[in-house]
Structure formats: structure tokens, C-alpha cells
Amino acid sequence: MGRYVLLMALVLTSLHGCAENGSTNSTEVEAEYLRAVMPDSLLKTSHLDIASIENVAVLGTGEAQHLGLRVSPGQRKVHEGMRAEVSVDYPFHQRDVIRYSWRFLLPKDFAVDVPMNRWWVIGQWHDQPDVTKGETWDDFESRSPPVLIGLGQMNGKLAISLNYGQTTGKEKQQAVGPVFLERGKWHHITTVVRWSPKADGAVQVFLDGESKSIMSATGPNMNNDYQHFLKIGMYRHPGISTDNWIYLDDLEISNDSSP
């Protein structure tokens, strides 16, 4: 237990040196935890966004090892929000087709924000400063993510939905869903995005190995011309007071663009 606490203290120290939102290289200490959810090939562009040692855990052994992330009442805000997330800054160019895939489990006692159903995000793709133009977080405009997977409840059932579209002005995002989930079950989600600031942008979301997408949308999906980074885990309305864990495993990202 002492070694676990020491390692997590080092993880939290390392996080304080990360960029405000976008990913930087993970430290070797962070990598011990990130390996529970991703291959080594993604470590160099990944990091954890957690509030304390109480908000993360590695569970299981061997092939069954996975990562747990917790959002709890009264926790410290991270990047001005109530969150516990894995962040991956996977590189791509405009009009590349990127496939993001991971497994997640919401435990049987997972409590949701009923009856208010305030916003709750388990996957988001966010814009960031264009380093090729010398931009930094210091003066970068804060905007909502152009692609996100939200969580809520409808008719007593847990569900996810898709919000899609640029958020650079007064654009209204497309809302797609809901798609119902089961508590206590591992779900495999795959999101395929054709990244573009133009009308040829598109997204398809697949669940549990089905060949037909459960949610899809088209249109501009980049807030600026630079690669958008992925965050998975939980990020939610600050007024929600439930204590929640989400479990993550088998994160994979690939470029499916034609040669």
C-alpha cells in the first residue's frame, strides 16, 4: 500500500507540469498506470487528469488488468472542471480517418443525475492551440468539444448520446441518440472520425462489435485546423453530487485513411 501511495503522489506531481489541456509525454510513473488501459505506442502522447490518489486505481492482473477512474463529491477541480480522465493527443491531419476504440464498464451501483440529467461526458474530442502557428493555452479561446459522447438516463435506463459539430460560434450541435447500456457489463465502443473543418467531416459510433453504427453524423467537426485530442473517463456538471467509478480497458487508436 505504501508503494502505491508513493507512486500516485509522483503521478500527481507530474501532472502539475502538464499542459493546461492537451497531452504531453507521460512520465514513467504515469506509464505504470496508463499501461493498464493502452499499448506502449500511445504512452508518449498520453497523461492522466485526476484530482488525487483517491480518484484512480489499477485493478485485476494480467490480461484482465484495467484502469478505474473516480469522480467524487468535493474533489479538487482539474483544469477548472470535475473530471477524472485519460487524455491522448494522437496526431492526425485534416481529412484523416481515425479509429478510436476502447472498452468501458459502469458498475451495477452506478448512480446517475436523476431527475435533472445534467451534462455528463465519458468521451470527448477537444481542440487545442496550433503549435505550428506558435499558439499557446495562455490566450486560447475556451470552447466546447465538437465531438462528445454524453451519459444520462432515460425511462430508467442508462444511455449514451452523441453531440457533434463545430462550437466556434453560434452553431447548434447535432444531438444523436439515446443508445441504451447495461450496468455491470463491459461495453466496447468504436468511434470513427473523418476530421475536417468542412462539410465532408463525419463520425460513426459502433457498440459491442456490431457492424452497423449506432450513431452517426456529418458536417464540420474541427474547431481549428490543428489535431484534436481525446479524453475518456468522466467529466461532469459541477453540481452533480454522486460518487462514481468508471472502468476502462483496451484503448486503441489507428489511422484508417487510404494511402
C-alpha atoms as a PDB file:
ATOM      1  CA  MET A   1       0.000   0.000   0.000  1.00  0.00           C
ATOM      2  CA  GLY A   2       2.842   2.382   0.810  1.00  0.00           C
ATOM      3  CA  ARG A   3       4.390   1.889  -2.626  1.00  0.00           C
ATOM      4  CA  TYR A   4       1.009   2.545  -4.257  1.00  0.00           C
ATOM      5  CA  VAL A   5       0.587   5.832  -2.389  1.00  0.00           C
ATOM      6  CA  LEU A   6       4.134   6.906  -3.237  1.00  0.00           C
ATOM      7  CA  LEU A   7       3.677   6.143  -6.922  1.00  0.00           C
ATOM      8  CA  MET A   8       0.404   8.034  -7.087  1.00  0.00           C
ATOM      9  CA  ALA A   9       1.942  11.023  -5.298  1.00  0.00           C
ATOM     10  CA  LEU A  10       4.585  11.080  -8.009  1.00  0.00           C
ATOM     11  CA  VAL A  11       1.910  10.808 -10.683  1.00  0.00           C
ATOM     12  CA  LEU A  12       0.067  13.815  -9.282  1.00  0.00           C
ATOM     13  CA  THR A  13       3.289  15.805  -9.067  1.00  0.00           C
ATOM     14  CA  SER A  14       3.999  15.050 -12.706  1.00  0.00           C
ATOM     15  CA  LEU A  15       0.526  16.163 -13.746  1.00  0.00           C
ATOM     16  CA  HIS A  16       1.113  19.647 -12.399  1.00  0.00           C
ATOM     17  CA  GLY A  17       3.717  20.109 -15.122  1.00  0.00           C
ATOM     18  CA  CYS A  18       1.401  19.064 -17.973  1.00  0.00           C
ATOM     19  CA  ALA A  19      -0.110  21.434 -20.498  1.00  0.00           C
ATOM     20  CA  GLU A  20      -3.357  23.012 -19.362  1.00  0.00           C
ATOM     21  CA  ASN A  21      -5.482  20.700 -21.503  1.00  0.00           C
ATOM     22  CA  GLY A  22      -3.604  18.978 -24.304  1.00  0.00           C
ATOM     23  CA  SER A  23      -1.404  15.969 -23.683  1.00  0.00           C
ATOM     24  CA  THR A  24       2.312  15.914 -23.069  1.00  0.00           C
ATOM     25  CA  ASN A  25       4.639  12.966 -22.743  1.00  0.00           C
ATOM     26  CA  SER A  26       3.655  10.795 -19.792  1.00  0.00           C
ATOM     27  CA  THR A  27       6.264  10.215 -17.108  1.00  0.00           C
ATOM     28  CA  GLU A  28       7.456   6.701 -16.432  1.00  0.00           C
ATOM     29  CA  VAL A  29       5.414   6.696 -13.218  1.00  0.00           C
ATOM     30  CA  GLU A  30       2.238   7.646 -15.047  1.00  0.00           C
ATOM     31  CA  ALA A  31       3.044   4.993 -17.637  1.00  0.00           C
ATOM     32  CA  GLU A  32       2.679   2.273 -14.976  1.00  0.00           C
ATOM     33  CA  TYR A  33      -0.984   3.240 -14.711  1.00  0.00           C
ATOM     34  CA  LEU A  34      -1.654   4.099 -18.334  1.00  0.00           C
ATOM     35  CA  ARG A  35      -0.404   0.670 -19.409  1.00  0.00           C
ATOM     36  CA  ALA A  36      -3.480  -0.777 -17.712  1.00  0.00           C
ATOM     37  CA  VAL A  37      -5.629   0.748 -20.457  1.00  0.00           C
ATOM     38  CA  MET A  38      -3.415   1.319 -23.538  1.00  0.00           C
ATOM     39  CA  PRO A  39      -0.443  -0.057 -25.509  1.00  0.00           C
ATOM     40  CA  ASP A  40       3.033   1.417 -25.118  1.00  0.00           C
ATOM     41  CA  SER A  41       2.733   3.061 -28.540  1.00  0.00           C
ATOM     42  CA  LEU A  42       0.240   5.598 -27.113  1.00  0.00           C
ATOM     43  CA  LEU A  43       2.098   6.424 -23.904  1.00  0.00           C
ATOM     44  CA  LYS A  44       4.251   9.208 -25.334  1.00  0.00           C
ATOM     45  CA  THR A  45       1.196  11.352 -26.132  1.00  0.00           C
ATOM     46  CA  SER A  46      -0.900  10.493 -23.053  1.00  0.00           C
ATOM     47  CA  HIS A  47      -1.428  11.569 -19.467  1.00  0.00           C
ATOM     48  CA  LEU A  48      -3.876  11.331 -16.565  1.00  0.00           C
ATOM     49  CA  ASP A  49      -6.147  14.166 -15.438  1.00  0.00           C
ATOM     50  CA  ILE A  50      -7.026  13.212 -11.849  1.00  0.00           C
ATOM     51  CA  ALA A  51      -7.611  15.156  -8.644  1.00  0.00           C
ATOM     52  CA  SER A  52      -5.944  12.862  -6.091  1.00  0.00           C
ATOM     53  CA  ILE A  53      -4.845   9.314  -5.337  1.00  0.00           C
ATOM     54  CA  GLU A  54      -8.440   8.588  -4.367  1.00  0.00           C
ATOM     55  CA  ASN A  55      -9.581   9.091  -7.955  1.00  0.00           C
ATOM     56  CA  VAL A  56      -7.637   6.360  -9.764  1.00  0.00           C
ATOM     57  CA  ALA A  57      -6.924   2.663  -9.394  1.00  0.00           C
ATOM     58  CA  VAL A  58      -5.417  -0.222 -11.339  1.00  0.00           C
ATOM     59  CA  LEU A  59      -7.469  -3.383 -10.921  1.00  0.00           C
ATOM     60  CA  GLY A  60      -7.081  -7.011 -11.961  1.00  0.00           C
ATOM     61  CA  THR A  61      -3.991  -8.859 -13.105  1.00  0.00           C
ATOM     62  CA  GLY A  62      -2.544  -9.991 -16.400  1.00  0.00           C
ATOM     63  CA  GLU A  63      -4.923  -9.750 -19.353  1.00  0.00           C
ATOM     64  CA  ALA A  64      -7.749  -8.713 -17.001  1.00  0.00           C
ATOM     65  CA  GLN A  65      -5.908  -5.624 -15.725  1.00  0.00           C
ATOM     66  CA  HIS A  66      -7.794  -2.366 -16.265  1.00  0.00           C
ATOM     67  CA  LEU A  67      -7.981   1.224 -15.048  1.00  0.00           C
ATOM     68  CA  GLY A  68     -10.567   2.722 -12.706  1.00  0.00           C
ATOM     69  CA  LEU A  69     -11.336   6.451 -12.610  1.00  0.00           C
ATOM     70  CA  ARG A  70     -13.469   8.119  -9.957  1.00  0.00           C
ATOM     71  CA  VAL A  71     -15.307  11.441  -9.664  1.00  0.00           C
ATOM     72  CA  SER A  72     -16.350  12.172  -6.103  1.00  0.00           C
ATOM     73  CA  PRO A  73     -18.237  14.964  -4.295  1.00  0.00           C
ATOM     74  CA  GLY A  74     -15.981  17.738  -3.076  1.00  0.00           C
ATOM     75  CA  GLN A  75     -12.925  16.641  -5.037  1.00  0.00           C
ATOM     76  CA  ARG A  76     -10.469  19.225  -6.300  1.00  0.00           C
ATOM     77  CA  LYS A  77     -11.237  20.592  -9.759  1.00  0.00           C
ATOM     78  CA  VAL A  78      -8.826  19.633 -12.528  1.00  0.00           C
ATOM     79  CA  HIS A  79      -8.387  22.174 -15.349  1.00  0.00           C
ATOM     80  CA  GLU A  80     -11.342  24.043 -13.826  1.00  0.00           C
ATOM     81  CA  GLY A  81     -13.658  21.024 -14.058  1.00  0.00           C
ATOM     82  CA  MET A  82     -14.947  17.995 -12.170  1.00  0.00           C
ATOM     83  CA  ARG A  83     -13.173  15.244 -14.041  1.00  0.00           C
ATOM     84  CA  ALA A  84     -11.121  12.061 -13.981  1.00  0.00           C
ATOM     85  CA  GLU A  85      -9.846  11.296 -17.473  1.00  0.00           C
ATOM     86  CA  VAL A  86      -7.184   9.733 -19.653  1.00  0.00           C
ATOM     87  CA  SER A  87      -6.010  12.209 -22.291  1.00  0.00           C
ATOM     88  CA  VAL A  88      -4.395  11.164 -25.601  1.00  0.00           C
ATOM     89  CA  ASP A  89      -3.079  13.654 -28.156  1.00  0.00           C
ATOM     90  CA  TYR A  90      -2.999  11.308 -31.159  1.00  0.00           C
ATOM     91  CA  PRO A  91      -1.611  13.121 -34.239  1.00  0.00           C
ATOM     92  CA  PHE A  92      -3.577  13.483 -37.458  1.00  0.00           C
ATOM     93  CA  HIS A  93      -4.069  15.824 -40.401  1.00  0.00           C
ATOM     94  CA  GLN A  94      -7.255  17.291 -41.804  1.00  0.00           C
ATOM     95  CA  ARG A  95      -9.368  14.695 -43.651  1.00  0.00           C
ATOM     96  CA  ASP A  96      -7.612  11.761 -41.992  1.00  0.00           C
ATOM     97  CA  VAL A  97      -9.936   8.982 -40.822  1.00  0.00           C
ATOM     98  CA  ILE A  98      -9.067   7.999 -37.245  1.00  0.00           C
ATOM     99  CA  ARG A  99     -10.475   4.985 -35.402  1.00  0.00           C
ATOM    100  CA  TYR A 100     -10.763   5.255 -31.603  1.00  0.00           C
ATOM    101  CA  SER A 101     -11.736   2.109 -29.707  1.00  0.00           C
ATOM    102  CA  TRP A 102     -11.948   1.236 -26.024  1.00  0.00           C
ATOM    103  CA  ARG A 103     -13.924  -0.818 -23.517  1.00  0.00           C
ATOM    104  CA  PHE A 104     -15.731   0.660 -20.529  1.00  0.00           C
ATOM    105  CA  LEU A 105     -17.818  -0.619 -17.635  1.00  0.00           C
ATOM    106  CA  LEU A 106     -20.235   1.280 -15.402  1.00  0.00           C
ATOM    107  CA  PRO A 107     -20.763  -0.729 -12.190  1.00  0.00           C
ATOM    108  CA  LYS A 108     -24.154  -2.080 -11.161  1.00  0.00           C
ATOM    109  CA  ASP A 109     -24.486   0.571  -8.451  1.00  0.00           C
ATOM    110  CA  PHE A 110     -23.616   3.441 -10.820  1.00  0.00           C
ATOM    111  CA  ALA A 111     -25.825   6.388  -9.767  1.00  0.00           C
ATOM    112  CA  VAL A 112     -26.869   8.994 -12.310  1.00  0.00           C
ATOM    113  CA  ASP A 113     -28.120  12.573 -12.009  1.00  0.00           C
ATOM    114  CA  VAL A 114     -31.857  11.995 -11.918  1.00  0.00           C
ATOM    115  CA  PRO A 115     -34.207  13.678 -12.354  1.00  0.00           C
ATOM    116  CA  MET A 116     -32.078  16.633 -13.531  1.00  0.00           C
ATOM    117  CA  ASN A 117     -29.895  14.716 -16.008  1.00  0.00           C
ATOM    118  CA  ARG A 118     -27.277  17.457 -16.178  1.00  0.00           C
ATOM    119  CA  TRP A 119     -24.419  17.052 -18.641  1.00  0.00           C
ATOM    120  CA  TRP A 120     -22.027  14.161 -18.085  1.00  0.00           C
ATOM    121  CA  VAL A 121     -19.319  13.242 -20.616  1.00  0.00           C
ATOM    122  CA  ILE A 122     -17.484   9.903 -20.927  1.00  0.00           C
ATOM    123  CA  GLY A 123     -15.659  10.640 -24.190  1.00  0.00           C
ATOM    124  CA  GLN A 124     -14.711  13.915 -25.850  1.00  0.00           C
ATOM    125  CA  TRP A 125     -12.501  15.230 -28.614  1.00  0.00           C
ATOM    126  CA  HIS A 126     -11.248  18.718 -27.897  1.00  0.00           C
ATOM    127  CA  ASP A 127      -9.486  21.437 -29.877  1.00  0.00           C
ATOM    128  CA  GLN A 128      -6.165  22.892 -28.715  1.00  0.00           C
ATOM    129  CA  PRO A 129      -3.624  25.574 -29.653  1.00  0.00           C
ATOM    130  CA  ASP A 130      -1.932  25.094 -33.023  1.00  0.00           C
ATOM    131  CA  VAL A 131       1.722  24.744 -32.058  1.00  0.00           C
ATOM    132  CA  THR A 132       2.745  25.077 -35.712  1.00  0.00           C
ATOM    133  CA  LYS A 133       1.499  28.670 -35.510  1.00  0.00           C
ATOM    134  CA  GLY A 134       3.090  29.385 -32.148  1.00  0.00           C
ATOM    135  CA  GLU A 135      -0.223  29.352 -30.261  1.00  0.00           C
ATOM    136  CA  THR A 136      -0.342  28.523 -26.533  1.00  0.00           C
ATOM    137  CA  TRP A 137      -3.002  27.878 -23.906  1.00  0.00           C
ATOM    138  CA  ASP A 138      -2.363  31.340 -22.438  1.00  0.00           C
ATOM    139  CA  ASP A 139      -4.648  33.087 -24.929  1.00  0.00           C
ATOM    140  CA  PHE A 140      -6.511  30.156 -26.475  1.00  0.00           C
ATOM    141  CA  GLU A 141     -10.293  30.569 -26.553  1.00  0.00           C
ATOM    142  CA  SER A 142     -12.202  28.059 -24.427  1.00  0.00           C
ATOM    143  CA  ARG A 143     -14.768  26.145 -26.486  1.00  0.00           C
ATOM    144  CA  SER A 144     -16.915  23.056 -26.057  1.00  0.00           C
ATOM    145  CA  PRO A 145     -15.694  19.879 -27.794  1.00  0.00           C
ATOM    146  CA  PRO A 146     -17.003  19.402 -31.365  1.00  0.00           C
ATOM    147  CA  VAL A 147     -17.437  15.665 -30.780  1.00  0.00           C
ATOM    148  CA  LEU A 148     -18.526  14.149 -27.476  1.00  0.00           C
ATOM    149  CA  ILE A 149     -20.241  11.102 -26.040  1.00  0.00           C
ATOM    150  CA  GLY A 150     -22.576  12.001 -23.193  1.00  0.00           C
ATOM    151  CA  LEU A 151     -24.100   9.868 -20.446  1.00  0.00           C
ATOM    152  CA  GLY A 152     -27.531  10.063 -18.875  1.00  0.00           C
ATOM    153  CA  GLN A 153     -30.693   8.157 -18.052  1.00  0.00           C
ATOM    154  CA  MET A 154     -33.974   7.812 -19.900  1.00  0.00           C
ATOM    155  CA  ASN A 155     -37.008   5.796 -18.844  1.00  0.00           C
ATOM    156  CA  GLY A 156     -34.963   4.318 -16.011  1.00  0.00           C
ATOM    157  CA  LYS A 157     -32.238   3.071 -18.358  1.00  0.00           C
ATOM    158  CA  LEU A 158     -28.618   4.182 -18.617  1.00  0.00           C
ATOM    159  CA  ALA A 159     -27.854   5.656 -22.040  1.00  0.00           C
ATOM    160  CA  ILE A 160     -25.228   7.394 -24.149  1.00  0.00           C
ATOM    161  CA  SER A 161     -25.714  10.028 -26.831  1.00  0.00           C
ATOM    162  CA  LEU A 162     -23.592  11.857 -29.391  1.00  0.00           C
ATOM    163  CA  ASN A 163     -23.129  15.623 -29.687  1.00  0.00           C
ATOM    164  CA  TYR A 164     -21.487  16.636 -32.950  1.00  0.00           C
ATOM    165  CA  GLY A 165     -20.441  19.799 -34.763  1.00  0.00           C
ATOM    166  CA  GLN A 166     -18.209  22.849 -34.549  1.00  0.00           C
ATOM    167  CA  THR A 167     -18.567  25.050 -31.474  1.00  0.00           C
ATOM    168  CA  THR A 168     -16.680  28.105 -32.725  1.00  0.00           C
ATOM    169  CA  GLY A 169     -19.655  30.450 -32.824  1.00  0.00           C
ATOM    170  CA  LYS A 170     -23.409  30.137 -32.628  1.00  0.00           C
ATOM    171  CA  GLU A 171     -23.555  26.789 -34.410  1.00  0.00           C
ATOM    172  CA  LYS A 172     -26.059  24.321 -32.986  1.00  0.00           C
ATOM    173  CA  GLN A 173     -24.615  20.862 -32.483  1.00  0.00           C
ATOM    174  CA  GLN A 174     -26.353  17.760 -33.767  1.00  0.00           C
ATOM    175  CA  ALA A 175     -27.701  15.529 -30.991  1.00  0.00           C
ATOM    176  CA  VAL A 176     -27.935  11.815 -31.793  1.00  0.00           C
ATOM    177  CA  GLY A 177     -29.263   9.053 -29.534  1.00  0.00           C
ATOM    178  CA  PRO A 178     -30.006   7.768 -26.997  1.00  0.00           C
ATOM    179  CA  VAL A 179     -28.447   4.297 -27.110  1.00  0.00           C
ATOM    180  CA  PHE A 180     -29.065   2.203 -24.014  1.00  0.00           C
ATOM    181  CA  LEU A 181     -26.386   0.454 -21.928  1.00  0.00           C
ATOM    182  CA  GLU A 182     -26.267  -2.174 -19.212  1.00  0.00           C
ATOM    183  CA  ARG A 183     -24.745  -1.517 -15.819  1.00  0.00           C
ATOM    184  CA  GLY A 184     -22.155  -4.074 -14.749  1.00  0.00           C
ATOM    185  CA  LYS A 185     -21.299  -5.045 -18.341  1.00  0.00           C
ATOM    186  CA  TRP A 186     -18.194  -4.313 -20.368  1.00  0.00           C
ATOM    187  CA  HIS A 187     -19.178  -2.354 -23.484  1.00  0.00           C
ATOM    188  CA  HIS A 188     -16.842  -1.953 -26.465  1.00  0.00           C
ATOM    189  CA  ILE A 189     -17.198   1.389 -28.220  1.00  0.00           C
ATOM    190  CA  THR A 190     -15.566   2.334 -31.516  1.00  0.00           C
ATOM    191  CA  THR A 191     -15.744   5.868 -32.899  1.00  0.00           C
ATOM    192  CA  VAL A 192     -14.532   6.501 -36.452  1.00  0.00           C
ATOM    193  CA  VAL A 193     -13.997  10.173 -37.293  1.00  0.00           C
ATOM    194  CA  ARG A 194     -13.196  11.789 -40.621  1.00  0.00           C
ATOM    195  CA  TRP A 195     -11.676  15.004 -39.333  1.00  0.00           C
ATOM    196  CA  SER A 196     -12.488  18.106 -41.346  1.00  0.00           C
ATOM    197  CA  PRO A 197     -13.464  21.764 -40.804  1.00  0.00           C
ATOM    198  CA  LYS A 198     -15.628  21.423 -43.924  1.00  0.00           C
ATOM    199  CA  ALA A 199     -18.847  19.627 -44.843  1.00  0.00           C
ATOM    200  CA  ASP A 200     -17.015  16.343 -45.564  1.00  0.00           C
ATOM    201  CA  GLY A 201     -16.404  15.721 -41.839  1.00  0.00           C
ATOM    202  CA  ALA A 202     -18.167  12.663 -40.425  1.00  0.00           C
ATOM    203  CA  VAL A 203     -18.439  10.349 -37.429  1.00  0.00           C
ATOM    204  CA  GLN A 204     -19.742   6.820 -36.899  1.00  0.00           C
ATOM    205  CA  VAL A 205     -20.122   5.171 -33.495  1.00  0.00           C
ATOM    206  CA  PHE A 206     -20.251   1.373 -33.137  1.00  0.00           C
ATOM    207  CA  LEU A 207     -21.070  -0.605 -29.989  1.00  0.00           C
ATOM    208  CA  ASP A 208     -20.130  -4.132 -28.902  1.00  0.00           C
ATOM    209  CA  GLY A 209     -18.828  -5.351 -32.243  1.00  0.00           C
ATOM    210  CA  GLU A 210     -21.955  -4.597 -34.272  1.00  0.00           C
ATOM    211  CA  SER A 211     -21.260  -3.927 -37.956  1.00  0.00           C
ATOM    212  CA  LYS A 212     -23.940  -1.220 -38.170  1.00  0.00           C
ATOM    213  CA  SER A 213     -23.280   2.110 -36.484  1.00  0.00           C
ATOM    214  CA  ILE A 214     -25.494   3.041 -33.555  1.00  0.00           C
ATOM    215  CA  MET A 215     -24.978   6.794 -34.030  1.00  0.00           C
ATOM    216  CA  SER A 216     -23.618   8.881 -36.901  1.00  0.00           C
ATOM    217  CA  ALA A 217     -23.423  12.477 -38.096  1.00  0.00           C
ATOM    218  CA  THR A 218     -21.815  14.551 -40.842  1.00  0.00           C
ATOM    219  CA  GLY A 219     -20.508  18.080 -41.256  1.00  0.00           C
ATOM    220  CA  PRO A 220     -17.635  20.213 -39.925  1.00  0.00           C
ATOM    221  CA  ASN A 221     -16.044  18.725 -36.790  1.00  0.00           C
ATOM    222  CA  MET A 222     -12.848  20.736 -36.194  1.00  0.00           C
ATOM    223  CA  ASN A 223     -12.861  23.990 -34.226  1.00  0.00           C
ATOM    224  CA  ASN A 224      -9.479  24.925 -35.669  1.00  0.00           C
ATOM    225  CA  ASP A 225      -7.035  23.421 -38.174  1.00  0.00           C
ATOM    226  CA  TYR A 226      -4.916  21.527 -35.635  1.00  0.00           C
ATOM    227  CA  GLN A 227      -5.361  17.955 -34.356  1.00  0.00           C
ATOM    228  CA  HIS A 228      -7.995  17.492 -31.620  1.00  0.00           C
ATOM    229  CA  PHE A 229      -7.175  15.320 -28.614  1.00  0.00           C
ATOM    230  CA  LEU A 230      -9.205  12.530 -26.992  1.00  0.00           C
ATOM    231  CA  LYS A 231     -10.268  12.393 -23.348  1.00  0.00           C
ATOM    232  CA  ILE A 232     -12.056   9.334 -21.917  1.00  0.00           C
ATOM    233  CA  GLY A 233     -13.317   8.739 -18.397  1.00  0.00           C
ATOM    234  CA  MET A 234     -15.720  11.165 -16.716  1.00  0.00           C
ATOM    235  CA  TYR A 235     -16.236  14.922 -16.897  1.00  0.00           C
ATOM    236  CA  ARG A 236     -19.491  16.247 -15.486  1.00  0.00           C
ATOM    237  CA  HIS A 237     -21.586  19.181 -14.305  1.00  0.00           C
ATOM    238  CA  PRO A 238     -20.080  20.589 -11.065  1.00  0.00           C
ATOM    239  CA  GLY A 239     -23.439  20.405  -9.284  1.00  0.00           C
ATOM    240  CA  ILE A 240     -23.696  16.619  -9.539  1.00  0.00           C
ATOM    241  CA  SER A 241     -23.033  15.108  -6.098  1.00  0.00           C
ATOM    242  CA  THR A 242     -22.880  11.346  -6.678  1.00  0.00           C
ATOM    243  CA  ASP A 243     -19.735   9.247  -6.120  1.00  0.00           C
ATOM    244  CA  ASN A 244     -18.940   7.332  -9.318  1.00  0.00           C
ATOM    245  CA  TRP A 245     -16.356   4.977 -10.828  1.00  0.00           C
ATOM    246  CA  ILE A 246     -15.883   4.117 -14.491  1.00  0.00           C
ATOM    247  CA  TYR A 247     -13.594   1.287 -15.608  1.00  0.00           C
ATOM    248  CA  LEU A 248     -11.579   1.465 -18.833  1.00  0.00           C
ATOM    249  CA  ASP A 249      -9.570  -1.027 -20.865  1.00  0.00           C
ATOM    250  CA  ASP A 250      -8.138  -1.801 -24.315  1.00  0.00           C
ATOM    251  CA  LEU A 251      -7.807   1.715 -25.718  1.00  0.00           C
ATOM    252  CA  GLU A 252      -6.604   1.574 -29.325  1.00  0.00           C
ATOM    253  CA  ILE A 253      -6.226   4.364 -31.897  1.00  0.00           C
ATOM    254  CA  SER A 254      -5.324   3.956 -35.564  1.00  0.00           C
ATOM    255  CA  ASN A 255      -5.250   5.979 -38.766  1.00  0.00           C
ATOM    256  CA  ASP A 256      -7.600   4.316 -41.268  1.00  0.00           C
ATOM    257  CA  SER A 257      -7.020   6.845 -44.040  1.00  0.00           C
ATOM    258  CA  SER A 258      -6.464   5.468 -47.527  1.00  0.00           C
ATOM    259  CA  PRO A 259      -2.839   5.717 -48.744  1.00  0.00           C
END
